[in-house]
Amino acid sequence: MEIIQTGTSLVISGRRLSEMDLFVCRVLDILTSHTPYVIMSGYVAILFGRTRSTEDVDLLIPVCDVSAFLLLHDEFMEQGYEF
């Protein structure tokens, strides 16, 4: 596995993406269009190849007003996610 920093992004090569990785990518595509975020906790370890007994993804987003939250909520719902 090789980790490459490109600007503010990290690229991990030599690792096949799991179903969970693909799920996280789809969720982050939605979040990116609405708010900044930070991935925290267990998924970071999973991303770098560690195995864990739980596969949760913890995200930290800033407080937003109701209208911004509703836009985010509506897009998740339109994409078929439960919210």
N, C-alpha and C. Protein backbone atom coordinates (compact mmCIF):
# COMPACT_ATOMS: atom_id res chain seq x y z
N MET A 1 0.85 -1.16 0.00
CA MET A 1 0.00 0.00 0.00
C MET A 1 0.90 1.23 0.00
N GLU A 2 0.53 2.20 -0.83
CA GLU A 2 1.28 3.45 -0.89
C GLU A 2 0.32 4.60 -0.60
N ILE A 3 0.75 5.52 0.25
CA ILE A 3 -0.06 6.68 0.61
C ILE A 3 0.60 7.91 0.01
N ILE A 4 -0.16 8.62 -0.82
CA ILE A 4 0.36 9.78 -1.52
C ILE A 4 -0.48 10.99 -1.12
N GLN A 5 0.18 12.09 -0.75
CA GLN A 5 -0.56 13.31 -0.46
C GLN A 5 -0.55 14.19 -1.69
N THR A 6 -1.76 14.60 -2.12
CA THR A 6 -1.90 15.51 -3.25
C THR A 6 -2.68 16.72 -2.77
N GLY A 7 -1.99 17.78 -2.48
CA GLY A 7 -2.66 18.96 -1.93
C GLY A 7 -3.22 18.63 -0.56
N THR A 8 -4.54 18.75 -0.42
CA THR A 8 -5.17 18.44 0.86
C THR A 8 -5.76 17.04 0.89
N SER A 9 -5.55 16.25 -0.17
CA SER A 9 -6.12 14.90 -0.24
C SER A 9 -5.04 13.84 -0.08
N LEU A 10 -5.46 12.68 0.43
CA LEU A 10 -4.59 11.52 0.48
C LEU A 10 -5.10 10.49 -0.51
N VAL A 11 -4.20 9.87 -1.24
CA VAL A 11 -4.54 8.81 -2.17
C VAL A 11 -3.87 7.54 -1.67
N ILE A 12 -4.64 6.48 -1.52
CA ILE A 12 -4.10 5.20 -1.08
C ILE A 12 -4.14 4.27 -2.28
N SER A 13 -2.96 3.86 -2.75
CA SER A 13 -2.90 2.97 -3.90
C SER A 13 -2.47 1.57 -3.45
N GLY A 14 -2.75 0.58 -4.28
CA GLY A 14 -2.37 -0.78 -3.96
C GLY A 14 -3.32 -1.45 -2.99
N ARG A 15 -4.52 -0.93 -2.85
CA ARG A 15 -5.51 -1.50 -1.94
C ARG A 15 -6.84 -1.55 -2.66
N ARG A 16 -7.43 -2.71 -2.70
CA ARG A 16 -8.74 -2.87 -3.33
C ARG A 16 -9.81 -2.27 -2.41
N LEU A 17 -10.72 -1.49 -2.98
CA LEU A 17 -11.78 -0.87 -2.19
C LEU A 17 -12.84 -1.91 -1.83
N SER A 18 -13.21 -1.93 -0.56
CA SER A 18 -14.26 -2.84 -0.09
C SER A 18 -15.63 -2.22 -0.34
N GLU A 19 -16.67 -2.99 -0.08
CA GLU A 19 -18.03 -2.45 -0.19
C GLU A 19 -18.21 -1.28 0.78
N MET A 20 -17.62 -1.41 1.95
CA MET A 20 -17.71 -0.32 2.92
C MET A 20 -17.02 0.94 2.40
N ASP A 21 -15.84 0.78 1.80
CA ASP A 21 -15.13 1.92 1.22
C ASP A 21 -15.99 2.61 0.16
N LEU A 22 -16.64 1.82 -0.69
CA LEU A 22 -17.47 2.39 -1.74
C LEU A 22 -18.68 3.11 -1.15
N PHE A 23 -19.28 2.54 -0.09
CA PHE A 23 -20.38 3.20 0.61
C PHE A 23 -19.93 4.54 1.16
N VAL A 24 -18.79 4.55 1.83
CA VAL A 24 -18.27 5.79 2.41
C VAL A 24 -18.02 6.82 1.30
N CYS A 25 -17.47 6.40 0.18
CA CYS A 25 -17.23 7.32 -0.93
C CYS A 25 -18.53 7.95 -1.43
N ARG A 26 -19.58 7.14 -1.54
CA ARG A 26 -20.87 7.67 -1.99
C ARG A 26 -21.43 8.68 -0.99
N VAL A 27 -21.33 8.37 0.30
CA VAL A 27 -21.81 9.29 1.33
C VAL A 27 -20.99 10.58 1.31
N LEU A 28 -19.68 10.46 1.17
CA LEU A 28 -18.83 11.65 1.17
C LEU A 28 -19.06 12.51 -0.06
N ASP A 29 -19.45 11.90 -1.18
CA ASP A 29 -19.79 12.69 -2.37
C ASP A 29 -20.95 13.63 -2.05
N ILE A 30 -21.93 13.15 -1.32
CA ILE A 30 -23.07 13.99 -0.94
C ILE A 30 -22.63 15.04 0.07
N LEU A 31 -21.93 14.62 1.10
CA LEU A 31 -21.50 15.58 2.14
C LEU A 31 -20.64 16.69 1.56
N THR A 32 -19.74 16.34 0.65
CA THR A 32 -18.81 17.31 0.09
C THR A 32 -19.54 18.48 -0.57
N SER A 33 -20.70 18.21 -1.16
CA SER A 33 -21.43 19.28 -1.83
C SER A 33 -22.20 20.17 -0.86
N HIS A 34 -22.23 19.81 0.43
CA HIS A 34 -23.01 20.57 1.39
C HIS A 34 -22.23 21.13 2.57
N THR A 35 -21.18 20.45 3.01
CA THR A 35 -20.52 20.86 4.24
C THR A 35 -19.10 20.28 4.32
N PRO A 36 -18.22 20.95 5.03
CA PRO A 36 -16.93 20.32 5.33
C PRO A 36 -17.15 19.19 6.34
N TYR A 37 -16.23 18.26 6.43
CA TYR A 37 -16.36 17.13 7.33
C TYR A 37 -14.98 16.59 7.68
N VAL A 38 -14.94 15.79 8.72
CA VAL A 38 -13.72 15.07 9.11
C VAL A 38 -14.15 13.63 9.40
N ILE A 39 -13.42 12.67 8.83
CA ILE A 39 -13.64 11.26 9.16
C ILE A 39 -12.84 10.97 10.42
N MET A 40 -13.48 10.34 11.39
CA MET A 40 -12.82 10.09 12.67
C MET A 40 -12.91 8.62 13.05
N SER A 41 -12.15 8.25 14.03
CA SER A 41 -12.29 6.99 14.76
C SER A 41 -12.00 5.77 13.92
N GLY A 42 -12.81 4.73 14.09
CA GLY A 42 -12.53 3.39 13.60
C GLY A 42 -12.33 3.26 12.10
N TYR A 43 -13.09 3.99 11.31
CA TYR A 43 -12.97 3.81 9.86
C TYR A 43 -11.59 4.22 9.36
N VAL A 44 -10.96 5.17 10.00
CA VAL A 44 -9.61 5.57 9.59
C VAL A 44 -8.67 4.37 9.68
N ALA A 45 -8.78 3.60 10.74
CA ALA A 45 -7.95 2.39 10.89
C ALA A 45 -8.30 1.37 9.80
N ILE A 46 -9.59 1.19 9.52
CA ILE A 46 -10.02 0.26 8.48
C ILE A 46 -9.46 0.70 7.13
N LEU A 47 -9.54 1.99 6.83
CA LEU A 47 -9.06 2.53 5.57
C LEU A 47 -7.59 2.21 5.34
N PHE A 48 -6.82 2.21 6.42
CA PHE A 48 -5.39 1.92 6.30
C PHE A 48 -5.06 0.44 6.49
N GLY A 49 -6.10 -0.43 6.41
CA GLY A 49 -5.85 -1.86 6.36
C GLY A 49 -5.99 -2.64 7.65
N ARG A 50 -6.36 -2.01 8.74
CA ARG A 50 -6.54 -2.73 10.00
C ARG A 50 -7.91 -3.40 10.01
N THR A 51 -8.02 -4.51 10.67
CA THR A 51 -9.34 -5.13 10.85
C THR A 51 -9.87 -4.71 12.21
N ARG A 52 -11.19 -4.57 12.26
CA ARG A 52 -11.83 -4.16 13.50
C ARG A 52 -13.10 -4.99 13.67
N SER A 53 -13.53 -5.12 14.91
CA SER A 53 -14.74 -5.90 15.17
C SER A 53 -15.99 -5.13 14.77
N THR A 54 -15.91 -3.81 14.72
CA THR A 54 -17.03 -3.00 14.25
C THR A 54 -16.59 -2.22 13.02
N GLU A 55 -17.53 -1.94 12.17
CA GLU A 55 -17.22 -1.19 10.94
C GLU A 55 -18.04 0.08 10.89
N ASP A 56 -17.98 0.86 11.95
CA ASP A 56 -18.72 2.11 11.98
C ASP A 56 -17.89 3.23 11.35
N VAL A 57 -18.58 4.24 10.90
CA VAL A 57 -17.92 5.41 10.32
C VAL A 57 -18.40 6.63 11.10
N ASP A 58 -17.48 7.29 11.76
CA ASP A 58 -17.82 8.48 12.53
C ASP A 58 -17.38 9.71 11.76
N LEU A 59 -18.31 10.63 11.58
CA LEU A 59 -18.04 11.87 10.86
C LEU A 59 -18.34 13.04 11.76
N LEU A 60 -17.52 14.06 11.66
CA LEU A 60 -17.76 15.30 12.39
C LEU A 60 -18.03 16.38 11.35
N ILE A 61 -19.19 17.03 11.49
CA ILE A 61 -19.52 18.15 10.61
C ILE A 61 -19.83 19.35 11.50
N PRO A 62 -19.62 20.56 10.98
CA PRO A 62 -19.90 21.74 11.79
C PRO A 62 -21.41 21.94 11.96
N VAL A 63 -21.76 22.67 12.98
CA VAL A 63 -23.16 23.03 13.20
C VAL A 63 -23.62 23.85 12.00
N CYS A 64 -24.83 23.57 11.54
CA CYS A 64 -25.36 24.31 10.39
C CYS A 64 -26.78 24.78 10.71
N ASP A 65 -27.25 25.73 9.94
CA ASP A 65 -28.60 26.21 10.18
C ASP A 65 -29.61 25.20 9.62
N VAL A 66 -30.86 25.39 9.96
CA VAL A 66 -31.91 24.43 9.60
C VAL A 66 -32.03 24.28 8.08
N SER A 67 -31.95 25.35 7.34
CA SER A 67 -32.11 25.25 5.89
C SER A 67 -30.98 24.43 5.25
N ALA A 68 -29.74 24.62 5.71
CA ALA A 68 -28.62 23.83 5.20
C ALA A 68 -28.78 22.35 5.57
N PHE A 69 -29.23 22.09 6.80
CA PHE A 69 -29.46 20.71 7.22
C PHE A 69 -30.54 20.05 6.38
N LEU A 70 -31.62 20.78 6.09
CA LEU A 70 -32.70 20.20 5.29
C LEU A 70 -32.26 19.89 3.87
N LEU A 71 -31.41 20.72 3.29
CA LEU A 71 -30.86 20.42 1.96
C LEU A 71 -30.05 19.13 1.99
N LEU A 72 -29.20 18.99 3.01
CA LEU A 72 -28.40 17.78 3.17
C LEU A 72 -29.31 16.57 3.37
N HIS A 73 -30.27 16.70 4.25
CA HIS A 73 -31.23 15.62 4.52
C HIS A 73 -31.96 15.21 3.24
N ASP A 74 -32.47 16.18 2.51
CA ASP A 74 -33.24 15.88 1.30
C ASP A 74 -32.40 15.15 0.26
N GLU A 75 -31.14 15.55 0.10
CA GLU A 75 -30.29 14.85 -0.88
C GLU A 75 -30.03 13.40 -0.46
N PHE A 76 -29.77 13.18 0.82
CA PHE A 76 -29.60 11.80 1.28
C PHE A 76 -30.86 10.98 1.01
N MET A 77 -32.02 11.54 1.30
CA MET A 77 -33.28 10.83 1.08
C MET A 77 -33.49 10.55 -0.41
N GLU A 78 -33.20 11.52 -1.28
CA GLU A 78 -33.34 11.34 -2.73
C GLU A 78 -32.42 10.24 -3.25
N GLN A 79 -31.27 10.06 -2.61
CA GLN A 79 -30.32 9.03 -3.02
C GLN A 79 -30.63 7.67 -2.41
N GLY A 80 -31.71 7.59 -1.64
CA GLY A 80 -32.14 6.30 -1.09
C GLY A 80 -31.58 5.94 0.27
N TYR A 81 -30.99 6.91 0.96
CA TYR A 81 -30.45 6.64 2.30
C TYR A 81 -31.50 6.89 3.34
N GLU A 82 -31.40 6.18 4.46
CA GLU A 82 -32.23 6.47 5.62
C GLU A 82 -31.51 7.52 6.42
N PHE A 83 -32.25 8.42 7.02
CA PHE A 83 -31.62 9.54 7.71
C PHE A 83 -32.31 9.75 9.03
